[in-house]
C-alpha atoms as a PDB file:
ATOM      1  CA  UNK A   1     107.853 117.256  13.095  1.00  0.00           C
ATOM      2  CA  UNK A   2     106.363 114.822  10.258  1.00  0.00           C
ATOM      3  CA  UNK A   3     106.102 111.514  12.956  1.00  0.00           C
ATOM      4  CA  UNK A   4     103.914 114.136  15.340  1.00  0.00           C
ATOM      5  CA  UNK A   5     101.979 115.420  12.285  1.00  0.00           C
ATOM      6  CA  UNK A   6     100.996 111.632  11.650  1.00  0.00           C
ATOM      7  CA  UNK A   7     100.853 110.787  15.001  1.00  0.00           C
ATOM      8  CA  UNK A   8      97.905 114.095  15.910  1.00  0.00           C
ATOM      9  CA  UNK A   9      96.205 113.239  12.723  1.00  0.00           C
ATOM     10  CA  UNK A  10      96.045 109.573  13.720  1.00  0.00           C
ATOM     11  CA  UNK A  11      94.153 111.270  16.537  1.00  0.00           C
ATOM     12  CA  UNK A  12      92.008 113.530  15.315  1.00  0.00           C
ATOM     13  CA  UNK A  13      90.766 110.656  13.256  1.00  0.00           C
ATOM     14  CA  UNK A  14      89.960 108.454  16.217  1.00  0.00           C
ATOM     15  CA  UNK A  15      88.088 111.783  17.537  1.00  0.00           C
ATOM     16  CA  UNK A  16      86.117 112.665  14.601  1.00  0.00           C
ATOM     17  CA  UNK A  17      84.549 109.234  14.641  1.00  0.00           C
ATOM     18  CA  UNK A  18      80.841 109.897  17.101  1.00  0.00           C
ATOM     19  CA  UNK A  19      81.266 106.206  18.442  1.00  0.00           C
ATOM     20  CA  UNK A  20      85.138 105.641  18.729  1.00  0.00           C
ATOM     21  CA  UNK A  21      84.557 109.408  20.741  1.00  0.00           C
ATOM     22  CA  UNK A  22      81.623 107.587  23.063  1.00  0.00           C
ATOM     23  CA  UNK A  23      83.718 104.505  23.794  1.00  0.00           C
ATOM     24  CA  UNK A  24      86.540 107.376  25.335  1.00  0.00           C
ATOM     25  CA  UNK A  25      84.285 109.179  27.032  1.00  0.00           C
ATOM     26  CA  UNK A  26      82.891 105.825  28.405  1.00  0.00           C
ATOM     27  CA  UNK A  27      86.344 104.483  29.327  1.00  0.00           C
ATOM     28  CA  UNK A  28      87.562 106.982  31.137  1.00  0.00           C
ATOM     29  CA  UNK A  29      84.626 107.128  32.917  1.00  0.00           C
ATOM     30  CA  UNK A  30      85.065 103.664  34.172  1.00  0.00           C
ATOM     31  CA  UNK A  31      88.569 104.446  34.516  1.00  0.00           C
ATOM     32  CA  UNK A  32      87.506 107.165  37.442  1.00  0.00           C
ATOM     33  CA  UNK A  33      84.824 104.867  39.326  1.00  0.00           C
ATOM     34  CA  UNK A  34      87.243 102.057  39.332  1.00  0.00           C
ATOM     35  CA  UNK A  35      89.553 104.256  41.121  1.00  0.00           C
ATOM     36  CA  UNK A  36      87.323 105.487  43.516  1.00  0.00           C
ATOM     37  CA  UNK A  37      84.821 102.869  44.089  1.00  0.00           C
ATOM     38  CA  UNK A  38      85.002  98.931  45.007  1.00  0.00           C
ATOM     39  CA  UNK A  39      82.499  97.310  42.415  1.00  0.00           C
ATOM     40  CA  UNK A  40      80.048  96.220  44.483  1.00  0.00           C
ATOM     41  CA  UNK A  41      79.115 100.269  44.649  1.00  0.00           C
ATOM     42  CA  UNK A  42      78.089 100.122  41.485  1.00  0.00           C
ATOM     43  CA  UNK A  43      76.679  98.916  38.368  1.00  0.00           C
ATOM     44  CA  UNK A  44      77.917  99.312  33.867  1.00  0.00           C
ATOM     45  CA  UNK A  45      75.102  99.058  31.282  1.00  0.00           C
ATOM     46  CA  UNK A  46      71.978  98.992  33.643  1.00  0.00           C
ATOM     47  CA  UNK A  47      68.655 100.076  32.970  1.00  0.00           C
ATOM     48  CA  UNK A  48      67.456 102.019  35.678  1.00  0.00           C
ATOM     49  CA  UNK A  49      63.955 102.918  34.140  1.00  0.00           C
ATOM     50  CA  UNK A  50      61.915  99.975  34.866  1.00  0.00           C
ATOM     51  CA  UNK A  51      60.302  98.821  31.541  1.00  0.00           C
ATOM     52  CA  UNK A  52      62.724 100.543  30.239  1.00  0.00           C
ATOM     53  CA  UNK A  53      65.430  98.945  27.908  1.00  0.00           C
ATOM     54  CA  UNK A  54      67.655 101.950  27.304  1.00  0.00           C
ATOM     55  CA  UNK A  55      70.612 101.039  29.578  1.00  0.00           C
ATOM     56  CA  UNK A  56      72.922 104.240  31.180  1.00  0.00           C
ATOM     57  CA  UNK A  57      76.248 103.678  31.223  1.00  0.00           C
ATOM     58  CA  UNK A  58      77.428 103.974  34.584  1.00  0.00           C
ATOM     59  CA  UNK A  59      74.681 103.579  37.631  1.00  0.00           C
ATOM     60  CA  UNK A  60      76.110 104.454  41.726  1.00  0.00           C
ATOM     61  CA  UNK A  61      73.851 102.490  44.127  1.00  0.00           C
ATOM     62  CA  UNK A  62      72.820 104.522  46.593  1.00  0.00           C
ATOM     63  CA  UNK A  63      71.521 103.532  50.236  1.00  0.00           C
ATOM     64  CA  UNK A  64      67.741 104.597  50.049  1.00  0.00           C
ATOM     65  CA  UNK A  65      65.282 104.693  53.097  1.00  0.00           C
ATOM     66  CA  UNK A  66      64.296 101.294  54.799  1.00  0.00           C
ATOM     67  CA  UNK A  67      67.776  98.741  53.568  1.00  0.00           C
ATOM     68  CA  UNK A  68      66.816  99.796  49.545  1.00  0.00           C
ATOM     69  CA  UNK A  69      69.469 100.706  47.023  1.00  0.00           C
ATOM     70  CA  UNK A  70      68.717 103.386  44.321  1.00  0.00           C
ATOM     71  CA  UNK A  71      70.278 103.905  41.368  1.00  0.00           C
ATOM     72  CA  UNK A  72      72.499 107.451  40.479  1.00  0.00           C
ATOM     73  CA  UNK A  73      72.470 106.984  36.815  1.00  0.00           C
ATOM     74  CA  UNK A  74      75.554 109.017  34.911  1.00  0.00           C
ATOM     75  CA  UNK A  75      76.357 108.965  31.680  1.00  0.00           C
ATOM     76  CA  UNK A  76      79.332 110.476  29.565  1.00  0.00           C
ATOM     77  CA  UNK A  77      78.727 112.685  26.470  1.00  0.00           C
ATOM     78  CA  UNK A  78      80.906 114.297  23.828  1.00  0.00           C
ATOM     79  CA  UNK A  79      79.882 116.231  21.589  1.00  0.00           C
ATOM     80  CA  UNK A  80      83.284 116.920  19.964  1.00  0.00           C
ATOM     81  CA  UNK A  81      82.263 118.132  16.542  1.00  0.00           C
ATOM     82  CA  UNK A  82      80.221 120.868  18.224  1.00  0.00           C
ATOM     83  CA  UNK A  83      83.464 121.646  20.264  1.00  0.00           C
ATOM     84  CA  UNK A  84      85.640 121.237  17.740  1.00  0.00           C
ATOM     85  CA  UNK A  85      83.705 123.829  15.266  1.00  0.00           C
ATOM     86  CA  UNK A  86      83.817 126.607  18.616  1.00  0.00           C
ATOM     87  CA  UNK A  87      87.949 126.134  18.936  1.00  0.00           C
ATOM     88  CA  UNK A  88      88.037 126.852  15.826  1.00  0.00           C
ATOM     89  CA  UNK A  89      86.000 129.626  15.287  1.00  0.00           C
ATOM     90  CA  UNK A  90      88.410 130.675  18.369  1.00  0.00           C
ATOM     91  CA  UNK A  91      91.509 130.937  16.649  1.00  0.00           C
ATOM     92  CA  UNK A  92      90.241 132.351  13.567  1.00  0.00           C
ATOM     93  CA  UNK A  93      88.805 134.834  15.891  1.00  0.00           C
ATOM     94  CA  UNK A  94      85.174 135.234  14.149  1.00  0.00           C
ATOM     95  CA  UNK A  95      82.741 136.502  16.624  1.00  0.00           C
ATOM     96  CA  UNK A  96      80.362 136.045  14.077  1.00  0.00           C
ATOM     97  CA  UNK A  97      81.674 131.990  13.925  1.00  0.00           C
ATOM     98  CA  UNK A  98      82.118 132.017  17.785  1.00  0.00           C
ATOM     99  CA  UNK A  99      78.041 133.083  18.795  1.00  0.00           C
ATOM    100  CA  UNK A 100      76.999 130.086  16.480  1.00  0.00           C
ATOM    101  CA  UNK A 101      78.673 127.205  17.459  1.00  0.00           C
ATOM    102  CA  UNK A 102      79.057 128.093  20.959  1.00  0.00           C
ATOM    103  CA  UNK A 103      74.611 128.539  20.400  1.00  0.00           C
ATOM    104  CA  UNK A 104      74.783 124.654  18.697  1.00  0.00           C
ATOM    105  CA  UNK A 105      77.260 123.875  21.916  1.00  0.00           C
ATOM    106  CA  UNK A 106      74.425 124.658  24.075  1.00  0.00           C
ATOM    107  CA  UNK A 107      71.865 123.295  21.897  1.00  0.00           C
ATOM    108  CA  UNK A 108      73.400 119.793  21.779  1.00  0.00           C
ATOM    109  CA  UNK A 109      74.517 119.897  25.278  1.00  0.00           C
ATOM    110  CA  UNK A 110      70.768 120.584  25.911  1.00  0.00           C
ATOM    111  CA  UNK A 111      69.273 118.128  24.052  1.00  0.00           C
ATOM    112  CA  UNK A 112      71.364 115.192  25.556  1.00  0.00           C
ATOM    113  CA  UNK A 113      70.558 116.058  29.094  1.00  0.00           C
ATOM    114  CA  UNK A 114      67.391 116.067  28.053  1.00  0.00           C
ATOM    115  CA  UNK A 115      68.363 112.198  26.662  1.00  0.00           C
ATOM    116  CA  UNK A 116      69.496 111.413  29.942  1.00  0.00           C
ATOM    117  CA  UNK A 117      66.571 112.464  31.930  1.00  0.00           C
ATOM    118  CA  UNK A 118      63.711 111.282  29.828  1.00  0.00           C
ATOM    119  CA  UNK A 119      65.721 107.609  29.529  1.00  0.00           C
ATOM    120  CA  UNK A 120      67.452 107.279  33.061  1.00  0.00           C
ATOM    121  CA  UNK A 121      65.165 109.021  35.484  1.00  0.00           C
ATOM    122  CA  UNK A 122      62.452 107.204  37.489  1.00  0.00           C
ATOM    123  CA  UNK A 123      61.951 108.361  40.800  1.00  0.00           C
ATOM    124  CA  UNK A 124      62.238 106.581  43.078  1.00  0.00           C
ATOM    125  CA  UNK A 125      64.271 103.677  41.340  1.00  0.00           C
ATOM    126  CA  UNK A 126      66.916 105.938  40.939  1.00  0.00           C
ATOM    127  CA  UNK A 127      68.173 109.612  42.584  1.00  0.00           C
ATOM    128  CA  UNK A 128      66.190 112.629  41.287  1.00  0.00           C
ATOM    129  CA  UNK A 129      68.904 114.077  39.511  1.00  0.00           C
ATOM    130  CA  UNK A 130      71.638 112.097  37.286  1.00  0.00           C
ATOM    131  CA  UNK A 131      75.378 112.979  35.886  1.00  0.00           C
ATOM    132  CA  UNK A 132      76.463 114.115  33.049  1.00  0.00           C
ATOM    133  CA  UNK A 133      80.384 113.374  32.366  1.00  0.00           C
ATOM    134  CA  UNK A 134      82.322 115.531  30.068  1.00  0.00           C
ATOM    135  CA  UNK A 135      85.215 113.336  29.328  1.00  0.00           C
ATOM    136  CA  UNK A 136      87.460 117.015  28.621  1.00  0.00           C
ATOM    137  CA  UNK A 137      88.405 119.357  31.469  1.00  0.00           C
ATOM    138  CA  UNK A 138      87.486 122.051  28.482  1.00  0.00           C
ATOM    139  CA  UNK A 139      84.749 121.364  27.154  1.00  0.00           C
ATOM    140  CA  UNK A 140      83.750 121.020  30.683  1.00  0.00           C
ATOM    141  CA  UNK A 141      85.314 124.671  31.714  1.00  0.00           C
ATOM    142  CA  UNK A 142      82.974 125.826  28.345  1.00  0.00           C
ATOM    143  CA  UNK A 143      79.789 124.546  29.430  1.00  0.00           C
ATOM    144  CA  UNK A 144      80.326 126.230  33.304  1.00  0.00           C
ATOM    145  CA  UNK A 145      81.273 129.475  31.638  1.00  0.00           C
ATOM    146  CA  UNK A 146      77.509 129.112  29.303  1.00  0.00           C
ATOM    147  CA  UNK A 147      76.338 129.274  32.800  1.00  0.00           C
ATOM    148  CA  UNK A 148      74.387 126.025  31.922  1.00  0.00           C
ATOM    149  CA  UNK A 149      75.037 124.113  35.320  1.00  0.00           C
ATOM    150  CA  UNK A 150      72.181 125.884  37.136  1.00  0.00           C
ATOM    151  CA  UNK A 151      69.789 125.302  33.180  1.00  0.00           C
ATOM    152  CA  UNK A 152      70.431 121.861  32.705  1.00  0.00           C
ATOM    153  CA  UNK A 153      69.868 121.301  36.937  1.00  0.00           C
ATOM    154  CA  UNK A 154      66.190 123.317  37.086  1.00  0.00           C
ATOM    155  CA  UNK A 155      65.003 122.558  33.848  1.00  0.00           C
ATOM    156  CA  UNK A 156      66.727 119.068  33.723  1.00  0.00           C
ATOM    157  CA  UNK A 157      67.540 117.192  36.348  1.00  0.00           C
ATOM    158  CA  UNK A 158      71.300 116.918  35.386  1.00  0.00           C
ATOM    159  CA  UNK A 159      74.433 118.005  36.588  1.00  0.00           C
ATOM    160  CA  UNK A 160      77.747 118.194  34.707  1.00  0.00           C
ATOM    161  CA  UNK A 161      80.672 117.206  35.882  1.00  0.00           C
ATOM    162  CA  UNK A 162      83.858 116.885  34.151  1.00  0.00           C
ATOM    163  CA  UNK A 163      87.236 114.488  34.784  1.00  0.00           C
ATOM    164  CA  UNK A 164      88.046 116.532  38.029  1.00  0.00           C
ATOM    165  CA  UNK A 165      84.984 117.281  39.613  1.00  0.00           C
ATOM    166  CA  UNK A 166      83.485 113.863  38.535  1.00  0.00           C
ATOM    167  CA  UNK A 167      86.541 112.394  40.798  1.00  0.00           C
ATOM    168  CA  UNK A 168      85.425 114.873  44.112  1.00  0.00           C
ATOM    169  CA  UNK A 169      81.852 113.954  43.254  1.00  0.00           C
ATOM    170  CA  UNK A 170      82.939 109.956  43.865  1.00  0.00           C
ATOM    171  CA  UNK A 171      85.087 110.759  47.010  1.00  0.00           C
ATOM    172  CA  UNK A 172      81.892 113.065  48.435  1.00  0.00           C
ATOM    173  CA  UNK A 173      79.900 109.663  47.765  1.00  0.00           C
ATOM    174  CA  UNK A 174      82.371 107.733  49.184  1.00  0.00           C
ATOM    175  CA  UNK A 175      82.574 109.603  52.520  1.00  0.00           C
ATOM    176  CA  UNK A 176      78.600 109.381  52.970  1.00  0.00           C
ATOM    177  CA  UNK A 177      78.916 105.182  51.910  1.00  0.00           C
ATOM    178  CA  UNK A 178      81.775 105.675  55.021  1.00  0.00           C
ATOM    179  CA  UNK A 179      79.162 107.375  56.813  1.00  0.00           C
ATOM    180  CA  UNK A 180      75.746 105.509  55.700  1.00  0.00           C
ATOM    181  CA  UNK A 181      78.180 101.965  57.558  1.00  0.00           C
ATOM    182  CA  UNK A 182      79.034 103.586  60.665  1.00  0.00           C
ATOM    183  CA  UNK A 183      74.934 104.539  61.530  1.00  0.00           C
ATOM    184  CA  UNK A 184      74.743 100.928  60.119  1.00  0.00           C
ATOM    185  CA  UNK A 185      77.331  99.611  62.469  1.00  0.00           C
ATOM    186  CA  UNK A 186      76.721 101.459  65.265  1.00  0.00           C
ATOM    187  CA  UNK A 187      72.921  99.962  66.086  1.00  0.00           C
ATOM    188  CA  UNK A 188      74.850  96.457  65.874  1.00  0.00           C
ATOM    189  CA  UNK A 189      77.299  97.744  68.355  1.00  0.00           C
ATOM    190  CA  UNK A 190      74.774  99.596  70.872  1.00  0.00           C
ATOM    191  CA  UNK A 191      72.709  96.068  70.609  1.00  0.00           C
ATOM    192  CA  UNK A 192      76.051  94.444  71.364  1.00  0.00           C
ATOM    193  CA  UNK A 193      77.057  96.613  74.186  1.00  0.00           C
ATOM    194  CA  UNK A 194      73.598  96.396  75.682  1.00  0.00           C
ATOM    195  CA  UNK A 195      73.994  92.394  75.884  1.00  0.00           C
ATOM    196  CA  UNK A 196      76.791  92.517  77.352  1.00  0.00           C
ATOM    197  CA  UNK A 197      75.486  95.309  80.398  1.00  0.00           C
ATOM    198  CA  UNK A 198      72.183  92.563  81.284  1.00  0.00           C
ATOM    199  CA  UNK A 199      75.112  89.602  80.986  1.00  0.00           C
ATOM    200  CA  UNK A 200      77.555  91.702  83.297  1.00  0.00           C
ATOM    201  CA  UNK A 201      74.914  92.839  85.252  1.00  0.00           C
ATOM    202  CA  UNK A 202      73.891  89.389  85.624  1.00  0.00           C
ATOM    203  CA  UNK A 203      77.625  88.274  86.431  1.00  0.00           C
ATOM    204  CA  UNK A 204      77.435  91.173  89.292  1.00  0.00           C
ATOM    205  CA  UNK A 205      75.065  89.638  90.895  1.00  0.00           C
ATOM    206  CA  UNK A 206      76.618  85.833  91.056  1.00  0.00           C
ATOM    207  CA  UNK A 207      79.941  87.480  91.995  1.00  0.00           C
ATOM    208  CA  UNK A 208      77.623  89.556  95.020  1.00  0.00           C
ATOM    209  CA  UNK A 209      76.683  86.116  96.325  1.00  0.00           C
ATOM    210  CA  UNK A 210      79.764  84.228  95.539  1.00  0.00           C
ATOM    211  CA  UNK A 211      80.960  87.041  97.640  1.00  0.00           C
ATOM    212  CA  UNK A 212      78.554  86.563 100.941  1.00  0.00           C
ATOM    213  CA  UNK A 213      78.836  82.988 100.824  1.00  0.00           C
ATOM    214  CA  UNK A 214      82.750  83.361 100.816  1.00  0.00           C
ATOM    215  CA  UNK A 215      82.442  86.163 103.530  1.00  0.00           C
ATOM    216  CA  UNK A 216      80.329  83.429 105.711  1.00  0.00           C
ATOM    217  CA  UNK A 217      82.877  80.634 105.592  1.00  0.00           C
ATOM    218  CA  UNK A 218      85.041  82.861 106.459  1.00  0.00           C
ATOM    219  CA  UNK A 219      83.785  83.676 109.091  1.00  0.00           C
ATOM    220  CA  UNK A 220      82.410  80.046 110.389  1.00  0.00           C
ATOM    221  CA  UNK A 221      86.362  79.259 109.978  1.00  0.00           C
ATOM    222  CA  UNK A 222      87.314  82.101 112.323  1.00  0.00           C
ATOM    223  CA  UNK A 223      84.981  80.834 115.035  1.00  0.00           C
ATOM    224  CA  UNK A 224      86.209  76.981 113.884  1.00  0.00           C
ATOM    225  CA  UNK A 225      90.036  78.209 114.169  1.00  0.00           C
ATOM    226  CA  UNK A 226      89.676  80.808 116.456  1.00  0.00           C
ATOM    227  CA  UNK A 227      87.044  80.530 119.855  1.00  0.00           C
ATOM    228  CA  UNK A 228      86.342  76.888 119.201  1.00  0.00           C
ATOM    229  CA  UNK A 229      89.962  75.971 119.549  1.00  0.00           C
ATOM    230  CA  UNK A 230      90.034  78.111 122.856  1.00  0.00           C
ATOM    231  CA  UNK A 231      87.733  76.485 124.124  1.00  0.00           C
ATOM    232  CA  UNK A 232      89.397  73.449 123.873  1.00  0.00           C
ATOM    233  CA  UNK A 233      92.970  74.110 124.760  1.00  0.00           C
ATOM    234  CA  UNK A 234      90.970  75.462 128.107  1.00  0.00           C
ATOM    235  CA  UNK A 235      90.017  72.259 128.499  1.00  0.00           C
ATOM    236  CA  UNK A 236      93.147  70.251 127.892  1.00  0.00           C
ATOM    237  CA  UNK A 237      94.713  72.523 129.863  1.00  0.00           C
ATOM    238  CA  UNK A 238      95.342  70.710 133.416  1.00  0.00           C
ATOM    239  CA  UNK A 239      96.220  67.792 130.980  1.00  0.00           C
ATOM    240  CA  UNK A 240     100.004  66.686 131.122  1.00  0.00           C
ATOM    241  CA  UNK A 241     102.274  67.452 128.075  1.00  0.00           C
ATOM    242  CA  UNK A 242     103.543  64.516 126.631  1.00  0.00           C
ATOM    243  CA  UNK A 243     106.877  64.591 124.622  1.00  0.00           C
ATOM    244  CA  UNK A 244     106.826  63.887 121.176  1.00  0.00           C
ATOM    245  CA  UNK A 245     107.919  60.117 121.024  1.00  0.00           C
ATOM    246  CA  UNK A 246     105.591  58.596 123.021  1.00  0.00           C
ATOM    247  CA  UNK A 247     102.847  60.323 122.163  1.00  0.00           C
ATOM    248  CA  UNK A 248     103.026  59.091 118.379  1.00  0.00           C
ATOM    249  CA  UNK A 249     103.426  55.345 119.938  1.00  0.00           C
ATOM    250  CA  UNK A 250     100.235  55.974 121.985  1.00  0.00           C
ATOM    251  CA  UNK A 251      98.339  57.061 118.756  1.00  0.00           C
ATOM    252  CA  UNK A 252     100.016  54.762 116.452  1.00  0.00           C
ATOM    253  CA  UNK A 253      98.688  51.996 119.383  1.00  0.00           C
ATOM    254  CA  UNK A 254      94.811  53.165 119.287  1.00  0.00           C
ATOM    255  CA  UNK A 255      95.142  52.950 115.126  1.00  0.00           C
ATOM    256  CA  UNK A 256      96.702  49.550 115.440  1.00  0.00           C
ATOM    257  CA  UNK A 257      93.206  48.664 117.950  1.00  0.00           C
ATOM    258  CA  UNK A 258      90.877  50.251 115.866  1.00  0.00           C
ATOM    259  CA  UNK A 259      92.278  48.658 112.759  1.00  0.00           C
ATOM    260  CA  UNK A 260      91.231  44.445 114.837  1.00  0.00           C
ATOM    261  CA  UNK A 261      88.000  45.789 115.664  1.00  0.00           C
END
């Protein structure tokens, strides 16, 4: 129990540090992106707003018009102190303290959303909205239960996502990537099929002409074998047929005379 208490205390110290909390949220977001998307589909620490030095933690590359890419900014936020105070108030059951900390959490989330909008959204270089990643499901649920989703979308063009919803969102984007790739490649396939059809039409013409020539040659051969052969046989019918030995001697003699001449 002492070791467990010490471990919990160490974890509390880590989470009490603002910078450390931010790093934890960024690492978790990066792990989700790396698990679902390929490295070519997103950038890290990129200035999505032209002329700005503010860099967003992650930006997903989305296909835009004319083959250009636009960024979807995703930034992790972890108001750990505010959320921690609210959890403590829940445990004590003090309604006045709960309402105070709820208001504080809402104000903090709105401030972070405004910060994301002002620093990272830059249409048409980016999408018209950005994503705020909340690294803990409990924090995400609290924000959702307070009705902040519609407010952040309407007033700051920012959507929120927890670990599970972030994964679902990225999977949807991945399907969009695949659909876009299929559409892009389908035009190439269609062009190839068109070229093949053109060449096949040419091949069919050549094959048809070749077939005509073959038919003509077959007809000439039939005439030669059939009609001409029968005519020759009729002319030779009165000639006495020699036996094979005599005909061979005569033909050999004829070849000898021709060679001497």
